[in-house]
């Protein structure tokens, strides 16, 4: 990710579109890792609280990605992001392509 690493969106900052490495498969590999970790914890603990936490994490990530990050990236990178999002899944390879 290099210089593209950040938390949240800074509308005044411009970076390159990263499409190599894990990003060639999924657009949000860090969020994917968070979901896999939460799923593993849910499977290990196996109670309603962990399942609720997994659902809340998934909902929060969907809101962040769909309502904040993707509109920003479409504005900044235009057709390049459209082409990229058509080939890489949102959280899993092949799923959530635009």
PDB file of N, CA and C in Angstrom:
ATOM      1  N   UNK A   1       0.821  -1.191   0.000  1.00  0.00           N
ATOM      2  CA  UNK A   1       0.000   0.000   0.000  1.00  0.00           C
ATOM      3  C   UNK A   1       0.861   1.250   0.000  1.00  0.00           C
ATOM      4  N   UNK A   2       1.967   1.188   0.668  1.00  0.00           N
ATOM      5  CA  UNK A   2       2.892   2.314   0.662  1.00  0.00           C
ATOM      6  C   UNK A   2       2.252   3.621   1.079  1.00  0.00           C
ATOM      7  N   UNK A   3       2.371   4.626   0.242  1.00  0.00           N
ATOM      8  CA  UNK A   3       1.868   5.970   0.544  1.00  0.00           C
ATOM      9  C   UNK A   3       0.347   6.039   0.549  1.00  0.00           C
ATOM     10  N   UNK A   4      -0.318   4.972   0.094  1.00  0.00           N
ATOM     11  CA  UNK A   4      -1.779   4.974   0.052  1.00  0.00           C
ATOM     12  C   UNK A   4      -2.405   4.533   1.372  1.00  0.00           C
ATOM     13  N   UNK A   5      -1.599   4.139   2.359  1.00  0.00           N
ATOM     14  CA  UNK A   5      -2.132   3.685   3.646  1.00  0.00           C
ATOM     15  C   UNK A   5      -2.751   4.843   4.406  1.00  0.00           C
ATOM     16  N   UNK A   6      -3.960   4.630   4.911  1.00  0.00           N
ATOM     17  CA  UNK A   6      -4.633   5.642   5.730  1.00  0.00           C
ATOM     18  C   UNK A   6      -5.824   4.995   6.421  1.00  0.00           C
ATOM     19  N   UNK A   7      -6.329   5.705   7.392  1.00  0.00           N
ATOM     20  CA  UNK A   7      -7.589   5.330   8.029  1.00  0.00           C
ATOM     21  C   UNK A   7      -8.574   6.431   7.684  1.00  0.00           C
ATOM     22  N   UNK A   8      -9.687   6.066   7.097  1.00  0.00           N
ATOM     23  CA  UNK A   8     -10.678   7.060   6.702  1.00  0.00           C
ATOM     24  C   UNK A   8     -10.341   7.684   5.364  1.00  0.00           C
ATOM     25  N   UNK A   9     -11.034   8.761   5.041  1.00  0.00           N
ATOM     26  CA  UNK A   9     -10.877   9.440   3.757  1.00  0.00           C
ATOM     27  C   UNK A   9     -10.525  10.897   4.010  1.00  0.00           C
ATOM     28  N   UNK A  10      -9.463  11.347   3.369  1.00  0.00           N
ATOM     29  CA  UNK A  10      -9.085  12.757   3.402  1.00  0.00           C
ATOM     30  C   UNK A  10      -9.353  13.319   2.013  1.00  0.00           C
ATOM     31  N   UNK A  11     -10.420  14.094   1.842  1.00  0.00           N
ATOM     32  CA  UNK A  11     -10.795  14.560   0.503  1.00  0.00           C
ATOM     33  C   UNK A  11      -9.749  15.443  -0.170  1.00  0.00           C
ATOM     34  N   UNK A  12      -8.817  15.988   0.585  1.00  0.00           N
ATOM     35  CA  UNK A  12      -7.788  16.850   0.000  1.00  0.00           C
ATOM     36  C   UNK A  12      -6.539  16.092  -0.442  1.00  0.00           C
ATOM     37  N   UNK A  13      -6.434  14.831  -0.049  1.00  0.00           N
ATOM     38  CA  UNK A  13      -5.241  14.047  -0.364  1.00  0.00           C
ATOM     39  C   UNK A  13      -5.473  13.226  -1.632  1.00  0.00           C
ATOM     40  N   UNK A  14      -4.464  13.133  -2.476  1.00  0.00           N
ATOM     41  CA  UNK A  14      -4.547  12.343  -3.702  1.00  0.00           C
ATOM     42  C   UNK A  14      -3.403  11.333  -3.718  1.00  0.00           C
ATOM     43  N   UNK A  15      -3.762  10.068  -3.886  1.00  0.00           N
ATOM     44  CA  UNK A  15      -2.765   9.006  -3.990  1.00  0.00           C
ATOM     45  C   UNK A  15      -3.079   8.172  -5.220  1.00  0.00           C
ATOM     46  N   UNK A  16      -2.159   7.297  -5.564  1.00  0.00           N
ATOM     47  CA  UNK A  16      -2.384   6.405  -6.694  1.00  0.00           C
ATOM     48  C   UNK A  16      -3.354   5.294  -6.328  1.00  0.00           C
ATOM     49  N   UNK A  17      -3.937   4.692  -7.337  1.00  0.00           N
ATOM     50  CA  UNK A  17      -4.850   3.569  -7.147  1.00  0.00           C
ATOM     51  C   UNK A  17      -4.028   2.288  -7.084  1.00  0.00           C
ATOM     52  N   UNK A  18      -4.082   1.581  -5.965  1.00  0.00           N
ATOM     53  CA  UNK A  18      -3.313   0.349  -5.778  1.00  0.00           C
ATOM     54  C   UNK A  18      -4.150  -0.820  -6.293  1.00  0.00           C
ATOM     55  N   UNK A  19      -3.628  -1.536  -7.292  1.00  0.00           N
ATOM     56  CA  UNK A  19      -4.374  -2.647  -7.892  1.00  0.00           C
ATOM     57  C   UNK A  19      -3.540  -3.923  -7.997  1.00  0.00           C
ATOM     58  N   UNK A  20      -2.395  -3.969  -7.337  1.00  0.00           N
ATOM     59  CA  UNK A  20      -1.534  -5.142  -7.412  1.00  0.00           C
ATOM     60  C   UNK A  20      -1.496  -5.850  -6.057  1.00  0.00           C
ATOM     61  N   UNK A  21      -0.866  -7.016  -6.028  1.00  0.00           N
ATOM     62  CA  UNK A  21      -0.806  -7.791  -4.790  1.00  0.00           C
ATOM     63  C   UNK A  21      -2.192  -8.285  -4.404  1.00  0.00           C
ATOM     64  N   UNK A  22      -2.493  -8.256  -3.113  1.00  0.00           N
ATOM     65  CA  UNK A  22      -3.816  -8.686  -2.650  1.00  0.00           C
ATOM     66  C   UNK A  22      -4.933  -7.838  -3.241  1.00  0.00           C
ATOM     67  N   UNK A  23      -4.614  -6.584  -3.568  1.00  0.00           N
ATOM     68  CA  UNK A  23      -5.622  -5.683  -4.132  1.00  0.00           C
ATOM     69  C   UNK A  23      -6.064  -6.119  -5.527  1.00  0.00           C
ATOM     70  N   UNK A  24      -5.314  -6.991  -6.173  1.00  0.00           N
ATOM     71  CA  UNK A  24      -5.746  -7.524  -7.461  1.00  0.00           C
ATOM     72  C   UNK A  24      -6.923  -8.478  -7.279  1.00  0.00           C
ATOM     73  N   UNK A  25      -7.063  -9.040  -6.084  1.00  0.00           N
ATOM     74  CA  UNK A  25      -8.149  -9.984  -5.805  1.00  0.00           C
ATOM     75  C   UNK A  25      -9.330  -9.325  -5.113  1.00  0.00           C
ATOM     76  N   UNK A  26      -9.040  -8.499  -4.109  1.00  0.00           N
ATOM     77  CA  UNK A  26     -10.099  -7.825  -3.347  1.00  0.00           C
ATOM     78  C   UNK A  26      -9.732  -6.359  -3.157  1.00  0.00           C
ATOM     79  N   UNK A  27     -10.751  -5.509  -3.128  1.00  0.00           N
ATOM     80  CA  UNK A  27     -10.501  -4.071  -3.007  1.00  0.00           C
ATOM     81  C   UNK A  27     -10.214  -3.647  -1.572  1.00  0.00           C
ATOM     82  N   UNK A  28     -10.562  -4.485  -0.607  1.00  0.00           N
ATOM     83  CA  UNK A  28     -10.407  -4.125   0.807  1.00  0.00           C
ATOM     84  C   UNK A  28      -9.785  -5.275   1.600  1.00  0.00           C
ATOM     85  N   UNK A  29      -8.529  -5.638   1.318  1.00  0.00           N
ATOM     86  CA  UNK A  29      -7.950  -6.806   1.985  1.00  0.00           C
ATOM     87  C   UNK A  29      -7.810  -6.651   3.500  1.00  0.00           C
ATOM     88  N   UNK A  30      -7.622  -5.451   3.993  1.00  0.00           N
ATOM     89  CA  UNK A  30      -7.519  -5.267   5.443  1.00  0.00           C
ATOM     90  C   UNK A  30      -8.867  -5.531   6.097  1.00  0.00           C
ATOM     91  N   UNK A  31      -9.934  -5.018   5.498  1.00  0.00           N
ATOM     92  CA  UNK A  31     -11.274  -5.284   6.029  1.00  0.00           C
ATOM     93  C   UNK A  31     -11.603  -6.773   5.919  1.00  0.00           C
ATOM     94  N   UNK A  32     -11.145  -7.425   4.845  1.00  0.00           N
ATOM     95  CA  UNK A  32     -11.352  -8.866   4.705  1.00  0.00           C
ATOM     96  C   UNK A  32     -10.670  -9.605   5.852  1.00  0.00           C
ATOM     97  N   UNK A  33      -9.447  -9.213   6.181  1.00  0.00           N
ATOM     98  CA  UNK A  33      -8.725  -9.845   7.291  1.00  0.00           C
ATOM     99  C   UNK A  33      -9.453  -9.620   8.615  1.00  0.00           C
ATOM    100  N   UNK A  34     -10.009  -8.423   8.795  1.00  0.00           N
ATOM    101  CA  UNK A  34     -10.778  -8.151  10.015  1.00  0.00           C
ATOM    102  C   UNK A  34     -11.990  -9.072  10.102  1.00  0.00           C
ATOM    103  N   UNK A  35     -12.692  -9.262   8.981  1.00  0.00           N
ATOM    104  CA  UNK A  35     -13.871 -10.128   8.969  1.00  0.00           C
ATOM    105  C   UNK A  35     -13.499 -11.588   9.207  1.00  0.00           C
ATOM    106  N   UNK A  36     -12.406 -12.047   8.605  1.00  0.00           N
ATOM    107  CA  UNK A  36     -11.960 -13.429   8.807  1.00  0.00           C
ATOM    108  C   UNK A  36     -11.575 -13.653  10.266  1.00  0.00           C
ATOM    109  N   UNK A  37     -10.891 -12.690  10.862  1.00  0.00           N
ATOM    110  CA  UNK A  37     -10.520 -12.787  12.279  1.00  0.00           C
ATOM    111  C   UNK A  37     -11.763 -12.835  13.159  1.00  0.00           C
ATOM    112  N   UNK A  38     -12.721 -11.960  12.884  1.00  0.00           N
ATOM    113  CA  UNK A  38     -13.960 -11.942  13.672  1.00  0.00           C
ATOM    114  C   UNK A  38     -14.747 -13.232  13.478  1.00  0.00           C
ATOM    115  N   UNK A  39     -14.754 -13.769  12.266  1.00  0.00           N
ATOM    116  CA  UNK A  39     -15.433 -15.042  12.018  1.00  0.00           C
ATOM    117  C   UNK A  39     -14.764 -16.160  12.806  1.00  0.00           C
ATOM    118  N   UNK A  40     -13.436 -16.197  12.803  1.00  0.00           N
ATOM    119  CA  UNK A  40     -12.719 -17.208  13.576  1.00  0.00           C
ATOM    120  C   UNK A  40     -13.021 -17.108  15.057  1.00  0.00           C
ATOM    121  N   UNK A  41     -13.052 -15.899  15.577  1.00  0.00           N
ATOM    122  CA  UNK A  41     -13.390 -15.695  16.985  1.00  0.00           C
ATOM    123  C   UNK A  41     -14.813 -16.156  17.271  1.00  0.00           C
ATOM    124  N   UNK A  42     -15.718 -15.832  16.372  1.00  0.00           N
ATOM    125  CA  UNK A  42     -17.110 -16.247  16.543  1.00  0.00           C
ATOM    126  C   UNK A  42     -17.229 -17.765  16.555  1.00  0.00           C
ATOM    127  N   UNK A  43     -16.505 -18.427  15.672  1.00  0.00           N
ATOM    128  CA  UNK A  43     -16.548 -19.887  15.634  1.00  0.00           C
ATOM    129  C   UNK A  43     -15.918 -20.504  16.879  1.00  0.00           C
ATOM    130  N   UNK A  44     -14.870 -19.880  17.406  1.00  0.00           N
ATOM    131  CA  UNK A  44     -14.225 -20.404  18.616  1.00  0.00           C
ATOM    132  C   UNK A  44     -15.092 -20.196  19.850  1.00  0.00           C
ATOM    133  N   UNK A  45     -15.644 -19.005  19.990  1.00  0.00           N
ATOM    134  CA  UNK A  45     -16.422 -18.674  21.186  1.00  0.00           C
ATOM    135  C   UNK A  45     -17.819 -19.266  21.085  1.00  0.00           C
ATOM    136  N   UNK A  46     -18.429 -19.090  19.925  1.00  0.00           N
ATOM    137  CA  UNK A  46     -19.712 -19.726  19.662  1.00  0.00           C
ATOM    138  C   UNK A  46     -20.871 -19.245  20.514  1.00  0.00           C
ATOM    139  N   UNK A  47     -20.940 -17.948  20.786  1.00  0.00           N
ATOM    140  CA  UNK A  47     -22.104 -17.461  21.525  1.00  0.00           C
ATOM    141  C   UNK A  47     -22.768 -16.311  20.767  1.00  0.00           C
ATOM    142  N   UNK A  48     -23.902 -15.884  21.283  1.00  0.00           N
ATOM    143  CA  UNK A  48     -24.693 -14.846  20.627  1.00  0.00           C
ATOM    144  C   UNK A  48     -23.938 -13.519  20.581  1.00  0.00           C
ATOM    145  N   UNK A  49     -23.171 -13.226  21.613  1.00  0.00           N
ATOM    146  CA  UNK A  49     -22.436 -11.958  21.651  1.00  0.00           C
ATOM    147  C   UNK A  49     -21.412 -11.894  20.517  1.00  0.00           C
ATOM    148  N   UNK A  50     -20.663 -12.980  20.312  1.00  0.00           N
ATOM    149  CA  UNK A  50     -19.666 -12.968  19.240  1.00  0.00           C
ATOM    150  C   UNK A  50     -20.336 -12.927  17.867  1.00  0.00           C
ATOM    151  N   UNK A  51     -21.454 -13.598  17.717  1.00  0.00           N
ATOM    152  CA  UNK A  51     -22.191 -13.560  16.455  1.00  0.00           C
ATOM    153  C   UNK A  51     -22.742 -12.159  16.187  1.00  0.00           C
ATOM    154  N   UNK A  52     -23.237 -11.518  17.230  1.00  0.00           N
ATOM    155  CA  UNK A  52     -23.726 -10.141  17.100  1.00  0.00           C
ATOM    156  C   UNK A  52     -22.586  -9.197  16.734  1.00  0.00           C
ATOM    157  N   UNK A  53     -21.433  -9.394  17.353  1.00  0.00           N
ATOM    158  CA  UNK A  53     -20.264  -8.577  17.031  1.00  0.00           C
ATOM    159  C   UNK A  53     -19.831  -8.748  15.583  1.00  0.00           C
ATOM    160  N   UNK A  54     -19.857  -9.984  15.095  1.00  0.00           N
ATOM    161  CA  UNK A  54     -19.513 -10.246  13.697  1.00  0.00           C
ATOM    162  C   UNK A  54     -20.484  -9.524  12.763  1.00  0.00           C
ATOM    163  N   UNK A  55     -21.760  -9.611  13.067  1.00  0.00           N
ATOM    164  CA  UNK A  55     -22.763  -8.920  12.250  1.00  0.00           C
ATOM    165  C   UNK A  55     -22.591  -7.412  12.283  1.00  0.00           C
ATOM    166  N   UNK A  56     -22.302  -6.872  13.458  1.00  0.00           N
ATOM    167  CA  UNK A  56     -22.101  -5.423  13.592  1.00  0.00           C
ATOM    168  C   UNK A  56     -20.858  -4.976  12.825  1.00  0.00           C
ATOM    169  N   UNK A  57     -19.786  -5.760  12.901  1.00  0.00           N
ATOM    170  CA  UNK A  57     -18.569  -5.430  12.154  1.00  0.00           C
ATOM    171  C   UNK A  57     -18.846  -5.435  10.659  1.00  0.00           C
ATOM    172  N   UNK A  58     -19.537  -6.467  10.186  1.00  0.00           N
ATOM    173  CA  UNK A  58     -19.843  -6.544   8.759  1.00  0.00           C
ATOM    174  C   UNK A  58     -20.681  -5.344   8.319  1.00  0.00           C
ATOM    175  N   UNK A  59     -21.696  -5.002   9.104  1.00  0.00           N
ATOM    176  CA  UNK A  59     -22.552  -3.855   8.771  1.00  0.00           C
ATOM    177  C   UNK A  59     -21.743  -2.558   8.749  1.00  0.00           C
ATOM    178  N   UNK A  60     -20.884  -2.368   9.739  1.00  0.00           N
ATOM    179  CA  UNK A  60     -20.076  -1.146   9.803  1.00  0.00           C
ATOM    180  C   UNK A  60     -19.120  -1.051   8.615  1.00  0.00           C
ATOM    181  N   UNK A  61     -18.516  -2.170   8.236  1.00  0.00           N
ATOM    182  CA  UNK A  61     -17.597  -2.156   7.099  1.00  0.00           C
ATOM    183  C   UNK A  61     -18.334  -1.897   5.789  1.00  0.00           C
ATOM    184  N   UNK A  62     -19.520  -2.469   5.646  1.00  0.00           N
ATOM    185  CA  UNK A  62     -20.322  -2.208   4.440  1.00  0.00           C
ATOM    186  C   UNK A  62     -20.651  -0.725   4.327  1.00  0.00           C
ATOM    187  N   UNK A  63     -21.056  -0.114   5.430  1.00  0.00           N
ATOM    188  CA  UNK A  63     -21.376   1.317   5.421  1.00  0.00           C
ATOM    189  C   UNK A  63     -20.135   2.127   5.063  1.00  0.00           C
ATOM    190  N   UNK A  64     -19.011   1.833   5.698  1.00  0.00           N
ATOM    191  CA  UNK A  64     -17.768   2.564   5.434  1.00  0.00           C
ATOM    192  C   UNK A  64     -17.359   2.453   3.969  1.00  0.00           C
ATOM    193  N   UNK A  65     -17.408   1.242   3.445  1.00  0.00           N
ATOM    194  CA  UNK A  65     -16.939   1.020   2.078  1.00  0.00           C
ATOM    195  C   UNK A  65     -17.917   1.592   1.053  1.00  0.00           C
ATOM    196  N   UNK A  66     -19.197   1.268   1.189  1.00  0.00           N
ATOM    197  CA  UNK A  66     -20.180   1.676   0.171  1.00  0.00           C
ATOM    198  C   UNK A  66     -20.504   3.165   0.203  1.00  0.00           C
ATOM    199  N   UNK A  67     -20.581   3.739   1.395  1.00  0.00           N
ATOM    200  CA  UNK A  67     -21.032   5.122   1.509  1.00  0.00           C
ATOM    201  C   UNK A  67     -19.905   6.147   1.618  1.00  0.00           C
ATOM    202  N   UNK A  68     -18.713   5.707   2.017  1.00  0.00           N
ATOM    203  CA  UNK A  68     -17.609   6.650   2.206  1.00  0.00           C
ATOM    204  C   UNK A  68     -16.486   6.408   1.193  1.00  0.00           C
ATOM    205  N   UNK A  69     -15.904   5.220   1.225  1.00  0.00           N
ATOM    206  CA  UNK A  69     -14.691   4.985   0.443  1.00  0.00           C
ATOM    207  C   UNK A  69     -14.930   4.860  -1.058  1.00  0.00           C
ATOM    208  N   UNK A  70     -15.912   4.046  -1.453  1.00  0.00           N
ATOM    209  CA  UNK A  70     -16.116   3.848  -2.888  1.00  0.00           C
ATOM    210  C   UNK A  70     -16.540   5.126  -3.613  1.00  0.00           C
ATOM    211  N   UNK A  71     -17.467   5.927  -3.066  1.00  0.00           N
ATOM    212  CA  UNK A  71     -17.775   7.192  -3.754  1.00  0.00           C
ATOM    213  C   UNK A  71     -16.548   8.106  -3.881  1.00  0.00           C
ATOM    214  N   UNK A  72     -15.732   8.149  -2.843  1.00  0.00           N
ATOM    215  CA  UNK A  72     -14.505   8.958  -2.885  1.00  0.00           C
ATOM    216  C   UNK A  72     -13.569   8.462  -3.988  1.00  0.00           C
ATOM    217  N   UNK A  73     -13.355   7.152  -4.036  1.00  0.00           N
ATOM    218  CA  UNK A  73     -12.447   6.591  -5.037  1.00  0.00           C
ATOM    219  C   UNK A  73     -12.981   6.784  -6.456  1.00  0.00           C
ATOM    220  N   UNK A  74     -14.295   6.697  -6.621  1.00  0.00           N
ATOM    221  CA  UNK A  74     -14.886   6.953  -7.944  1.00  0.00           C
ATOM    222  C   UNK A  74     -14.656   8.408  -8.365  1.00  0.00           C
ATOM    223  N   UNK A  75     -14.773   9.314  -7.417  1.00  0.00           N
ATOM    224  CA  UNK A  75     -14.559  10.732  -7.717  1.00  0.00           C
ATOM    225  C   UNK A  75     -13.097  11.005  -8.064  1.00  0.00           C
ATOM    226  N   UNK A  76     -12.190  10.452  -7.278  1.00  0.00           N
ATOM    227  CA  UNK A  76     -10.761  10.734  -7.455  1.00  0.00           C
ATOM    228  C   UNK A  76     -10.174  10.013  -8.671  1.00  0.00           C
ATOM    229  N   UNK A  77     -10.527   8.733  -8.854  1.00  0.00           N
ATOM    230  CA  UNK A  77      -9.873   7.918  -9.882  1.00  0.00           C
ATOM    231  C   UNK A  77     -10.735   7.666 -11.117  1.00  0.00           C
ATOM    232  N   UNK A  78     -12.004   8.018 -11.071  1.00  0.00           N
ATOM    233  CA  UNK A  78     -12.884   7.935 -12.235  1.00  0.00           C
ATOM    234  C   UNK A  78     -12.912   6.582 -12.917  1.00  0.00           C
ATOM    235  N   UNK A  79     -12.701   6.565 -14.246  1.00  0.00           N
ATOM    236  CA  UNK A  79     -12.797   5.324 -15.020  1.00  0.00           C
ATOM    237  C   UNK A  79     -11.800   4.250 -14.583  1.00  0.00           C
ATOM    238  N   UNK A  80     -10.643   4.654 -14.078  1.00  0.00           N
ATOM    239  CA  UNK A  80      -9.670   3.664 -13.592  1.00  0.00           C
ATOM    240  C   UNK A  80     -10.259   2.858 -12.446  1.00  0.00           C
ATOM    241  N   UNK A  81     -10.945   3.533 -11.522  1.00  0.00           N
ATOM    242  CA  UNK A  81     -11.558   2.813 -10.406  1.00  0.00           C
ATOM    243  C   UNK A  81     -12.728   1.961 -10.889  1.00  0.00           C
ATOM    244  N   UNK A  82     -13.488   2.446 -11.836  1.00  0.00           N
ATOM    245  CA  UNK A  82     -14.610   1.669 -12.380  1.00  0.00           C
ATOM    246  C   UNK A  82     -14.103   0.364 -12.988  1.00  0.00           C
ATOM    247  N   UNK A  83     -13.032   0.437 -13.766  1.00  0.00           N
ATOM    248  CA  UNK A  83     -12.458  -0.772 -14.367  1.00  0.00           C
ATOM    249  C   UNK A  83     -11.938  -1.710 -13.282  1.00  0.00           C
ATOM    250  N   UNK A  84     -11.251  -1.157 -12.312  1.00  0.00           N
ATOM    251  CA  UNK A  84     -10.705  -1.963 -11.217  1.00  0.00           C
ATOM    252  C   UNK A  84     -11.814  -2.638 -10.425  1.00  0.00           C
ATOM    253  N   UNK A  85     -12.856  -1.891 -10.066  1.00  0.00           N
ATOM    254  CA  UNK A  85     -13.930  -2.463  -9.251  1.00  0.00           C
ATOM    255  C   UNK A  85     -14.737  -3.508 -10.017  1.00  0.00           C
ATOM    256  N   UNK A  86     -14.637  -3.511 -11.341  1.00  0.00           N
ATOM    257  CA  UNK A  86     -15.311  -4.533 -12.140  1.00  0.00           C
ATOM    258  C   UNK A  86     -14.552  -5.857 -12.123  1.00  0.00           C
ATOM    259  N   UNK A  87     -13.290  -5.830 -11.690  1.00  0.00           N
ATOM    260  CA  UNK A  87     -12.483  -7.051 -11.710  1.00  0.00           C
ATOM    261  C   UNK A  87     -12.157  -7.592 -10.324  1.00  0.00           C
ATOM    262  N   UNK A  88     -12.135  -6.748  -9.303  1.00  0.00           N
ATOM    263  CA  UNK A  88     -11.772  -7.180  -7.946  1.00  0.00           C
ATOM    264  C   UNK A  88     -12.999  -7.118  -7.045  1.00  0.00           C
ATOM    265  N   UNK A  89     -13.215  -8.166  -6.260  1.00  0.00           N
ATOM    266  CA  UNK A  89     -14.348  -8.191  -5.347  1.00  0.00           C
ATOM    267  C   UNK A  89     -14.169  -7.208  -4.197  1.00  0.00           C
ATOM    268  N   UNK A  90     -15.279  -6.860  -3.567  1.00  0.00           N
ATOM    269  CA  UNK A  90     -15.230  -5.897  -2.458  1.00  0.00           C
ATOM    270  C   UNK A  90     -14.481  -6.497  -1.265  1.00  0.00           C
ATOM    271  N   UNK A  91     -14.888  -7.683  -0.808  1.00  0.00           N
ATOM    272  CA  UNK A  91     -14.237  -8.336   0.329  1.00  0.00           C
ATOM    273  C   UNK A  91     -13.720  -9.729  -0.028  1.00  0.00           C
ATOM    274  N   UNK A  92     -14.336 -10.374  -1.011  1.00  0.00           N
ATOM    275  CA  UNK A  92     -13.937 -11.712  -1.445  1.00  0.00           C
ATOM    276  C   UNK A  92     -13.731 -11.700  -2.953  1.00  0.00           C
ATOM    277  N   UNK A  93     -12.768 -12.473  -3.447  1.00  0.00           N
ATOM    278  CA  UNK A  93     -12.555 -12.506  -4.895  1.00  0.00           C
ATOM    279  C   UNK A  93     -13.840 -12.900  -5.630  1.00  0.00           C
ATOM    280  N   UNK A  94     -14.210 -12.111  -6.615  1.00  0.00           N
ATOM    281  CA  UNK A  94     -15.372 -12.427  -7.442  1.00  0.00           C
ATOM    282  C   UNK A  94     -16.714 -11.982  -6.894  1.00  0.00           C
ATOM    283  N   UNK A  95     -16.776 -11.576  -5.626  1.00  0.00           N
ATOM    284  CA  UNK A  95     -18.046 -11.139  -5.033  1.00  0.00           C
ATOM    285  C   UNK A  95     -18.006  -9.643  -4.767  1.00  0.00           C
ATOM    286  N   UNK A  96     -19.090  -8.954  -5.086  1.00  0.00           N
ATOM    287  CA  UNK A  96     -19.166  -7.526  -4.822  1.00  0.00           C
ATOM    288  C   UNK A  96     -18.483  -6.671  -5.859  1.00  0.00           C
ATOM    289  N   UNK A  97     -18.349  -7.230  -7.071  1.00  0.00           N
ATOM    290  CA  UNK A  97     -17.770  -6.416  -8.142  1.00  0.00           C
ATOM    291  C   UNK A  97     -18.815  -5.428  -8.624  1.00  0.00           C
ATOM    292  N   UNK A  98     -18.364  -4.255  -9.016  1.00  0.00           N
ATOM    293  CA  UNK A  98     -19.282  -3.215  -9.502  1.00  0.00           C
ATOM    294  C   UNK A  98     -19.601  -3.428 -10.958  1.00  0.00           C
TER     295      UNK A  98
END
